[in-house]
C-alpha atoms as a PDB file:
ATOM      1  CA  MET A   1      78.332  12.841  18.896  1.00  0.00           C
ATOM      2  CA  HIS A   2      79.649  11.265  22.128  1.00  0.00           C
ATOM      3  CA  LYS A   3      80.017   7.503  22.223  1.00  0.00           C
ATOM      4  CA  LYS A   4      77.787   7.217  25.305  1.00  0.00           C
ATOM      5  CA  THR A   5      74.992   9.178  23.576  1.00  0.00           C
ATOM      6  CA  LEU A   6      75.284   7.077  20.425  1.00  0.00           C
ATOM      7  CA  ALA A   7      75.196   3.863  22.445  1.00  0.00           C
ATOM      8  CA  LEU A   8      72.077   5.039  24.284  1.00  0.00           C
ATOM      9  CA  ILE A   9      70.294   5.861  21.009  1.00  0.00           C
ATOM     10  CA  ILE A  10      71.145   2.436  19.556  1.00  0.00           C
ATOM     11  CA  PHE A  11      69.938   0.717  22.740  1.00  0.00           C
ATOM     12  CA  LEU A  12      66.626   2.631  22.685  1.00  0.00           C
ATOM     13  CA  CYS A  13      66.053   1.821  18.983  1.00  0.00           C
ATOM     14  CA  MET A  14      66.692  -1.881  19.616  1.00  0.00           C
ATOM     15  CA  THR A  15      64.363  -1.849  22.612  1.00  0.00           C
ATOM     16  CA  ILE A  16      61.538  -0.138  20.710  1.00  0.00           C
ATOM     17  CA  THR A  17      61.963  -2.432  17.696  1.00  0.00           C
ATOM     18  CA  SER A  18      61.968  -5.621  19.759  1.00  0.00           C
ATOM     19  CA  ALA A  19      58.923  -4.485  21.767  1.00  0.00           C
ATOM     20  CA  SER A  20      56.827  -3.539  18.740  1.00  0.00           C
ATOM     21  CA  ALA A  21      57.973  -6.156  16.245  1.00  0.00           C
ATOM     22  CA  PHE A  22      55.497  -8.916  15.481  1.00  0.00           C
ATOM     23  CA  GLU A  23      56.729 -12.402  14.691  1.00  0.00           C
ATOM     24  CA  ALA A  24      54.373 -14.545  12.641  1.00  0.00           C
ATOM     25  CA  ALA A  25      56.041 -17.673  14.063  1.00  0.00           C
ATOM     26  CA  ASN A  26      55.291 -16.653  17.651  1.00  0.00           C
ATOM     27  CA  PRO A  27      53.887 -19.822  19.325  1.00  0.00           C
ATOM     28  CA  TYR A  28      51.222 -17.821  21.161  1.00  0.00           C
ATOM     29  CA  TRP A  29      50.059 -16.320  17.867  1.00  0.00           C
ATOM     30  CA  ILE A  30      50.069 -19.722  16.174  1.00  0.00           C
ATOM     31  CA  ALA A  31      47.773 -20.995  18.935  1.00  0.00           C
ATOM     32  CA  ILE A  32      45.264 -18.142  18.538  1.00  0.00           C
ATOM     33  CA  GLN A  33      45.189 -18.004  14.734  1.00  0.00           C
ATOM     34  CA  PRO A  34      42.987 -21.078  14.054  1.00  0.00           C
ATOM     35  CA  LYS A  35      40.358 -19.756  16.475  1.00  0.00           C
ATOM     36  CA  LEU A  36      40.468 -16.331  14.834  1.00  0.00           C
ATOM     37  CA  LYS A  37      40.216 -17.769  11.318  1.00  0.00           C
ATOM     38  CA  ALA A  38      37.221 -19.896  12.302  1.00  0.00           C
ATOM     39  CA  PHE A  39      35.529 -16.810  13.777  1.00  0.00           C
ATOM     40  CA  LEU A  40      36.214 -14.646  10.708  1.00  0.00           C
ATOM     41  CA  SER A  41      35.038 -17.258   8.216  1.00  0.00           C
ATOM     42  CA  LYS A  42      31.771 -17.529  10.118  1.00  0.00           C
ATOM     43  CA  ASN A  43      31.208 -13.786  10.556  1.00  0.00           C
ATOM     44  CA  ILE A  44      32.446 -12.266   7.283  1.00  0.00           C
ATOM     45  CA  ASP A  45      30.428 -12.887   4.118  1.00  0.00           C
ATOM     46  CA  GLY A  46      33.013 -14.146   1.624  1.00  0.00           C
ATOM     47  CA  SER A  47      30.812 -13.146  -1.316  1.00  0.00           C
ATOM     48  CA  LYS A  48      30.952  -9.475  -0.281  1.00  0.00           C
ATOM     49  CA  TYR A  49      34.303  -9.100   1.469  1.00  0.00           C
ATOM     50  CA  SER A  50      37.856 -10.371   1.357  1.00  0.00           C
ATOM     51  CA  TYR A  51      40.155 -10.098   4.347  1.00  0.00           C
ATOM     52  CA  SER A  52      43.692 -10.713   5.494  1.00  0.00           C
ATOM     53  CA  ILE A  53      44.923 -10.989   9.069  1.00  0.00           C
ATOM     54  CA  TYR A  54      47.534  -8.348   9.851  1.00  0.00           C
ATOM     55  CA  GLY A  55      48.386  -9.419  13.408  1.00  0.00           C
ATOM     56  CA  PRO A  56      48.096  -8.444  17.071  1.00  0.00           C
ATOM     57  CA  ALA A  57      48.454  -4.802  18.074  1.00  0.00           C
ATOM     58  CA  ARG A  58      50.626  -5.562  21.103  1.00  0.00           C
ATOM     59  CA  ASP A  59      53.088  -8.136  22.371  1.00  0.00           C
ATOM     60  CA  LEU A  60      51.501 -11.524  23.080  1.00  0.00           C
ATOM     61  CA  THR A  61      53.936 -12.652  25.768  1.00  0.00           C
ATOM     62  CA  ASN A  62      51.853 -11.343  28.670  1.00  0.00           C
ATOM     63  CA  PHE A  63      48.431 -11.987  27.154  1.00  0.00           C
ATOM     64  CA  LEU A  64      46.401 -13.946  29.716  1.00  0.00           C
ATOM     65  CA  GLY A  65      44.779 -15.990  26.972  1.00  0.00           C
ATOM     66  CA  ASN A  66      47.961 -17.926  26.264  1.00  0.00           C
ATOM     67  CA  ALA A  67      47.209 -20.802  28.620  1.00  0.00           C
ATOM     68  CA  PRO A  68      46.349 -24.137  26.950  1.00  0.00           C
ATOM     69  CA  ASN A  69      42.616 -24.638  26.381  1.00  0.00           C
ATOM     70  CA  GLN A  70      41.946 -21.058  27.474  1.00  0.00           C
ATOM     71  CA  GLU A  71      38.495 -19.814  26.427  1.00  0.00           C
ATOM     72  CA  ILE A  72      38.840 -17.043  23.840  1.00  0.00           C
ATOM     73  CA  ARG A  73      35.955 -14.941  22.582  1.00  0.00           C
ATOM     74  CA  PHE A  74      36.165 -12.482  19.696  1.00  0.00           C
ATOM     75  CA  SER A  75      34.366  -9.159  19.388  1.00  0.00           C
ATOM     76  CA  ASN A  76      32.028  -8.284  16.540  1.00  0.00           C
ATOM     77  CA  ILE A  77      33.524  -6.512  13.499  1.00  0.00           C
ATOM     78  CA  ASN A  78      32.104  -3.231  12.251  1.00  0.00           C
ATOM     79  CA  LEU A  79      32.366  -3.856   8.508  1.00  0.00           C
ATOM     80  CA  THR A  80      30.659  -0.559   7.666  1.00  0.00           C
ATOM     81  CA  SER A  81      33.223   1.616   9.446  1.00  0.00           C
ATOM     82  CA  PRO A  82      35.403   3.725   7.125  1.00  0.00           C
ATOM     83  CA  GLY A  83      38.796   2.395   6.147  1.00  0.00           C
ATOM     84  CA  MET A  84      40.189  -1.010   5.390  1.00  0.00           C
ATOM     85  CA  ARG A  85      41.899  -1.663   8.757  1.00  0.00           C
ATOM     86  CA  LYS A  86      39.531  -3.199  11.316  1.00  0.00           C
ATOM     87  CA  THR A  87      40.159  -4.274  14.899  1.00  0.00           C
ATOM     88  CA  VAL A  88      38.948  -7.525  16.457  1.00  0.00           C
ATOM     89  CA  PHE A  89      39.392  -8.025  20.197  1.00  0.00           C
ATOM     90  CA  ALA A  90      40.357 -11.489  21.438  1.00  0.00           C
ATOM     91  CA  SER A  91      39.244 -11.685  25.055  1.00  0.00           C
ATOM     92  CA  ALA A  92      40.278 -14.412  27.510  1.00  0.00           C
ATOM     93  CA  TYR A  93      37.811 -15.732  30.132  1.00  0.00           C
ATOM     94  CA  ASP A  94      38.291 -17.995  33.117  1.00  0.00           C
ATOM     95  CA  ALA A  95      36.091 -20.983  34.015  1.00  0.00           C
ATOM     96  CA  SER A  96      33.646 -18.750  35.897  1.00  0.00           C
ATOM     97  CA  GLY A  97      33.159 -16.506  32.889  1.00  0.00           C
ATOM     98  CA  LYS A  98      35.236 -13.650  34.242  1.00  0.00           C
ATOM     99  CA  LYS A  99      37.069 -11.624  31.629  1.00  0.00           C
ATOM    100  CA  LEU A 100      40.821 -11.809  32.205  1.00  0.00           C
ATOM    101  CA  ASP A 101      42.423  -9.905  29.356  1.00  0.00           C
ATOM    102  CA  SER A 102      41.821  -8.495  25.886  1.00  0.00           C
ATOM    103  CA  LEU A 103      44.104  -8.486  22.860  1.00  0.00           C
ATOM    104  CA  PRO A 104      43.437  -6.161  19.869  1.00  0.00           C
ATOM    105  CA  ILE A 105      44.091  -7.836  16.497  1.00  0.00           C
ATOM    106  CA  TYR A 106      44.193  -5.980  13.199  1.00  0.00           C
ATOM    107  CA  ILE A 107      42.609  -7.346  10.033  1.00  0.00           C
ATOM    108  CA  ASP A 108      42.407  -5.690   6.618  1.00  0.00           C
ATOM    109  CA  VAL A 109      38.997  -5.948   4.968  1.00  0.00           C
ATOM    110  CA  LYS A 110      38.267  -5.134   1.329  1.00  0.00           C
ATOM    111  CA  VAL A 111      34.925  -5.075  -0.446  1.00  0.00           C
ATOM    112  CA  TYR A 112      34.083  -6.761  -3.727  1.00  0.00           C
ATOM    113  CA  LYS A 113      32.740  -4.185  -6.159  1.00  0.00           C
ATOM    114  CA  LYS A 114      31.547  -4.387  -9.742  1.00  0.00           C
ATOM    115  CA  ILE A 115      33.286  -1.757 -11.822  1.00  0.00           C
ATOM    116  CA  LEU A 116      33.643  -0.895 -15.499  1.00  0.00           C
ATOM    117  CA  THR A 117      36.890  -1.463 -17.403  1.00  0.00           C
ATOM    118  CA  LEU A 118      38.026  -0.829 -20.973  1.00  0.00           C
ATOM    119  CA  LYS A 119      38.235  -3.484 -23.678  1.00  0.00           C
ATOM    120  CA  ARG A 120      40.455  -1.297 -25.813  1.00  0.00           C
ATOM    121  CA  PRO A 121      42.691   1.704 -25.087  1.00  0.00           C
ATOM    122  CA  VAL A 122      41.309   5.212 -25.525  1.00  0.00           C
ATOM    123  CA  GLY A 123      43.037   8.549 -25.984  1.00  0.00           C
ATOM    124  CA  GLU A 124      42.236  11.822 -24.308  1.00  0.00           C
ATOM    125  CA  GLY A 125      38.992  13.195 -25.756  1.00  0.00           C
ATOM    126  CA  ASP A 126      37.896   9.850 -27.230  1.00  0.00           C
ATOM    127  CA  GLU A 127      34.338   8.739 -26.633  1.00  0.00           C
ATOM    128  CA  ILE A 128      33.959   5.675 -24.389  1.00  0.00           C
ATOM    129  CA  THR A 129      31.401   3.654 -26.306  1.00  0.00           C
ATOM    130  CA  PRO A 130      29.225   0.840 -24.860  1.00  0.00           C
ATOM    131  CA  ASP A 131      31.038  -1.798 -26.932  1.00  0.00           C
ATOM    132  CA  ASN A 132      34.327  -0.800 -25.288  1.00  0.00           C
ATOM    133  CA  ILE A 133      33.134  -1.428 -21.715  1.00  0.00           C
ATOM    134  CA  VAL A 134      33.518  -4.635 -19.707  1.00  0.00           C
ATOM    135  CA  GLU A 135      32.094  -5.219 -16.244  1.00  0.00           C
ATOM    136  CA  LYS A 136      34.528  -6.697 -13.728  1.00  0.00           C
ATOM    137  CA  THR A 137      34.530  -7.433  -9.990  1.00  0.00           C
ATOM    138  CA  ILE A 138      37.575  -6.330  -7.980  1.00  0.00           C
ATOM    139  CA  GLU A 139      38.645  -6.011  -4.340  1.00  0.00           C
ATOM    140  CA  ILE A 140      38.990  -2.418  -3.157  1.00  0.00           C
ATOM    141  CA  ASP A 141      39.409  -0.365  -0.013  1.00  0.00           C
ATOM    142  CA  PRO A 142      35.872   0.598   1.167  1.00  0.00           C
ATOM    143  CA  ARG A 143      36.941   4.267   1.105  1.00  0.00           C
ATOM    144  CA  ASP A 144      37.481   4.027  -2.665  1.00  0.00           C
ATOM    145  CA  GLU A 145      34.037   2.693  -3.642  1.00  0.00           C
ATOM    146  CA  HIS A 146      32.824   6.109  -4.859  1.00  0.00           C
ATOM    147  CA  LEU A 147      35.843   6.541  -7.156  1.00  0.00           C
ATOM    148  CA  TYR A 148      34.745   3.967  -9.745  1.00  0.00           C
ATOM    149  CA  TYR A 149      32.007   3.828 -12.357  1.00  0.00           C
ATOM    150  CA  ASN A 150      29.704   0.833 -12.173  1.00  0.00           C
ATOM    151  CA  SER A 151      27.007   2.112 -14.550  1.00  0.00           C
ATOM    152  CA  GLY A 152      25.893   5.137 -16.544  1.00  0.00           C
ATOM    153  CA  LEU A 153      29.108   5.485 -18.511  1.00  0.00           C
ATOM    154  CA  ALA A 154      27.728   5.264 -22.052  1.00  0.00           C
ATOM    155  CA  GLN A 155      28.950   8.012 -24.382  1.00  0.00           C
ATOM    156  CA  LYS A 156      31.201   9.701 -21.844  1.00  0.00           C
ATOM    157  CA  VAL A 157      34.545  11.100 -23.006  1.00  0.00           C
ATOM    158  CA  ALA A 158      37.982  10.098 -21.714  1.00  0.00           C
ATOM    159  CA  GLY A 159      39.671  12.906 -19.821  1.00  0.00           C
ATOM    160  CA  LYS A 160      43.048  11.210 -20.206  1.00  0.00           C
ATOM    161  CA  SER A 161      44.588   8.350 -22.157  1.00  0.00           C
ATOM    162  CA  MET A 162      43.738   4.952 -20.705  1.00  0.00           C
ATOM    163  CA  ARG A 163      44.913   1.426 -21.448  1.00  0.00           C
ATOM    164  CA  ALA A 164      42.856  -1.677 -22.145  1.00  0.00           C
ATOM    165  CA  GLY A 165      41.868  -3.308 -18.866  1.00  0.00           C
ATOM    166  CA  ASP A 166      42.057  -0.086 -16.853  1.00  0.00           C
ATOM    167  CA  ALA A 167      39.326   0.424 -14.265  1.00  0.00           C
ATOM    168  CA  ILE A 168      37.394   3.572 -15.182  1.00  0.00           C
ATOM    169  CA  LYS A 169      37.381   6.144 -12.391  1.00  0.00           C
ATOM    170  CA  ILE A 170      35.023   9.091 -12.177  1.00  0.00           C
ATOM    171  CA  ASN A 171      37.835  11.647 -12.360  1.00  0.00           C
ATOM    172  CA  GLN A 172      39.103  10.100 -15.622  1.00  0.00           C
ATOM    173  CA  VAL A 173      36.081  11.034 -17.748  1.00  0.00           C
ATOM    174  CA  ARG A 174      34.398  14.317 -18.585  1.00  0.00           C
ATOM    175  CA  HIS A 175      30.956  15.444 -19.705  1.00  0.00           C
ATOM    176  CA  GLU A 176      28.947  13.639 -22.329  1.00  0.00           C
ATOM    177  CA  LYS A 177      29.220  14.707 -25.946  1.00  0.00           C
ATOM    178  CA  LEU A 178      27.147  17.741 -26.938  1.00  0.00           C
ATOM    179  CA  ILE A 179      25.081  15.593 -29.305  1.00  0.00           C
ATOM    180  CA  GLN A 180      24.306  11.987 -28.409  1.00  0.00           C
ATOM    181  CA  VAL A 181      23.541   9.053 -30.686  1.00  0.00           C
ATOM    182  CA  GLY A 182      19.820   9.130 -31.512  1.00  0.00           C
ATOM    183  CA  ASP A 183      19.354  12.866 -30.859  1.00  0.00           C
ATOM    184  CA  SER A 184      17.256  14.827 -33.336  1.00  0.00           C
ATOM    185  CA  ILE A 185      19.229  17.660 -34.895  1.00  0.00           C
ATOM    186  CA  LYS A 186      18.545  20.385 -37.469  1.00  0.00           C
ATOM    187  CA  VAL A 187      20.972  20.175 -40.387  1.00  0.00           C
ATOM    188  CA  THR A 188      21.353  22.932 -42.977  1.00  0.00           C
ATOM    189  CA  ASN A 189      23.033  23.018 -46.361  1.00  0.00           C
ATOM    190  CA  GLY A 190      25.293  25.899 -45.296  1.00  0.00           C
ATOM    191  CA  ASN A 191      24.226  28.077 -48.253  1.00  0.00           C
ATOM    192  CA  LYS A 192      23.469  31.621 -47.118  1.00  0.00           C
ATOM    193  CA  MET A 193      21.590  32.463 -50.307  1.00  0.00           C
ATOM    194  CA  ILE A 194      19.272  29.470 -50.422  1.00  0.00           C
ATOM    195  CA  ARG A 195      18.979  27.936 -46.945  1.00  0.00           C
ATOM    196  CA  LEU A 196      17.590  24.420 -46.701  1.00  0.00           C
ATOM    197  CA  GLU A 197      16.849  22.773 -43.380  1.00  0.00           C
ATOM    198  CA  PHE A 198      16.356  19.107 -42.597  1.00  0.00           C
ATOM    199  CA  PHE A 199      15.567  17.354 -39.336  1.00  0.00           C
ATOM    200  CA  CYS A 200      17.847  14.374 -38.988  1.00  0.00           C
ATOM    201  CA  LYS A 201      18.952  11.837 -36.413  1.00  0.00           C
ATOM    202  CA  ALA A 202      22.525  11.728 -35.098  1.00  0.00           C
ATOM    203  CA  MET A 203      24.220   8.392 -35.815  1.00  0.00           C
ATOM    204  CA  LYS A 204      27.342   9.367 -33.861  1.00  0.00           C
ATOM    205  CA  SER A 205      27.990  11.469 -30.753  1.00  0.00           C
ATOM    206  CA  GLY A 206      29.908  14.704 -31.160  1.00  0.00           C
ATOM    207  CA  ASP A 207      31.017  18.010 -29.655  1.00  0.00           C
ATOM    208  CA  LEU A 208      31.035  21.495 -31.145  1.00  0.00           C
ATOM    209  CA  ASN A 209      32.951  21.697 -34.476  1.00  0.00           C
ATOM    210  CA  GLU A 210      33.222  17.896 -34.722  1.00  0.00           C
ATOM    211  CA  ILE A 211      31.994  15.982 -37.760  1.00  0.00           C
ATOM    212  CA  ILE A 212      29.295  13.396 -37.139  1.00  0.00           C
ATOM    213  CA  THR A 213      27.154  11.066 -39.221  1.00  0.00           C
ATOM    214  CA  VAL A 214      23.465  11.939 -39.552  1.00  0.00           C
ATOM    215  CA  HIS A 215      20.493  10.095 -41.023  1.00  0.00           C
ATOM    216  CA  CYS A 216      17.931  12.242 -42.876  1.00  0.00           C
ATOM    217  CA  LEU A 217      14.765  10.587 -44.181  1.00  0.00           C
ATOM    218  CA  ASP A 218      13.940  13.503 -46.522  1.00  0.00           C
ATOM    219  CA  LEU A 219      17.164  13.220 -48.529  1.00  0.00           C
ATOM    220  CA  GLN A 220      17.874  10.937 -51.436  1.00  0.00           C
ATOM    221  CA  THR A 221      21.198  10.038 -49.847  1.00  0.00           C
ATOM    222  CA  GLN A 222      19.890   9.578 -46.332  1.00  0.00           C
ATOM    223  CA  THR A 223      23.190   9.052 -44.529  1.00  0.00           C
ATOM    224  CA  ARG A 224      25.465  12.113 -44.663  1.00  0.00           C
ATOM    225  CA  LYS A 225      28.333  13.800 -42.802  1.00  0.00           C
ATOM    226  CA  ALA A 226      27.704  17.068 -40.981  1.00  0.00           C
ATOM    227  CA  LYS A 227      29.687  19.469 -38.810  1.00  0.00           C
ATOM    228  CA  LEU A 228      28.218  20.546 -35.471  1.00  0.00           C
ATOM    229  CA  VAL A 229      27.953  24.357 -35.400  1.00  0.00           C
ATOM    230  CA  SER A 230      25.806  24.761 -32.279  1.00  0.00           C
ATOM    231  CA  GLU A 231      24.048  22.757 -29.569  1.00  0.00           C
ATOM    232  CA  ALA A 232      21.186  21.786 -31.876  1.00  0.00           C
ATOM    233  CA  GLU A 233      22.393  22.481 -35.407  1.00  0.00           C
ATOM    234  CA  ALA A 234      24.857  21.093 -37.922  1.00  0.00           C
ATOM    235  CA  GLU A 235      25.877  21.814 -41.510  1.00  0.00           C
ATOM    236  CA  PHE A 236      26.350  19.286 -44.272  1.00  0.00           C
ATOM    237  CA  ILE A 237      29.912  18.956 -45.526  1.00  0.00           C
END
């Protein structure tokens, strides 16, 4: 590569970087920030949203709102728009109310959402029981709200191993167990010669070929173990 070409590339990179770089200590930015913070605190419900100020979208040097005591008005924020990055426009006005200039400012807005987390770790295929669920409020990107469970998780099965404290996402669990706690189920003695049938109540959830606990009022020993052999039938073991 020729030296002149290399020098030109370096010069262009430095020019682009200096033009687009944002300095938090910029005196113009320091002057606008308190006004912006006051506006945001008044217009964003802190019980529903959290936010952080990212910074202006262009260089502030030529912004016509930099004059001392310049009137600055901020645009409304569309909190329901998709994505976390929002734009607020800081507009400068003269004494007659004429708009002089507008400066786009980026802020990142997250929503507070109640989700379900695990008290204890679970392995793949383990049932997620009600006593292993804790409700927690976290800050998330609005686009991710649909990814988390906030209810209706009882007796679902983990689709992967998860640690205690993990937020439970919809794609991490699979269908409910074939038999749920409290379901009525026909249980047989498994003898082909003399077949006995009892109607019992499932004391534990289970899938096909799993062993569950059942409660049968018609038996002397009412609580027994049984293996699920179909959607509605089990055999004593």
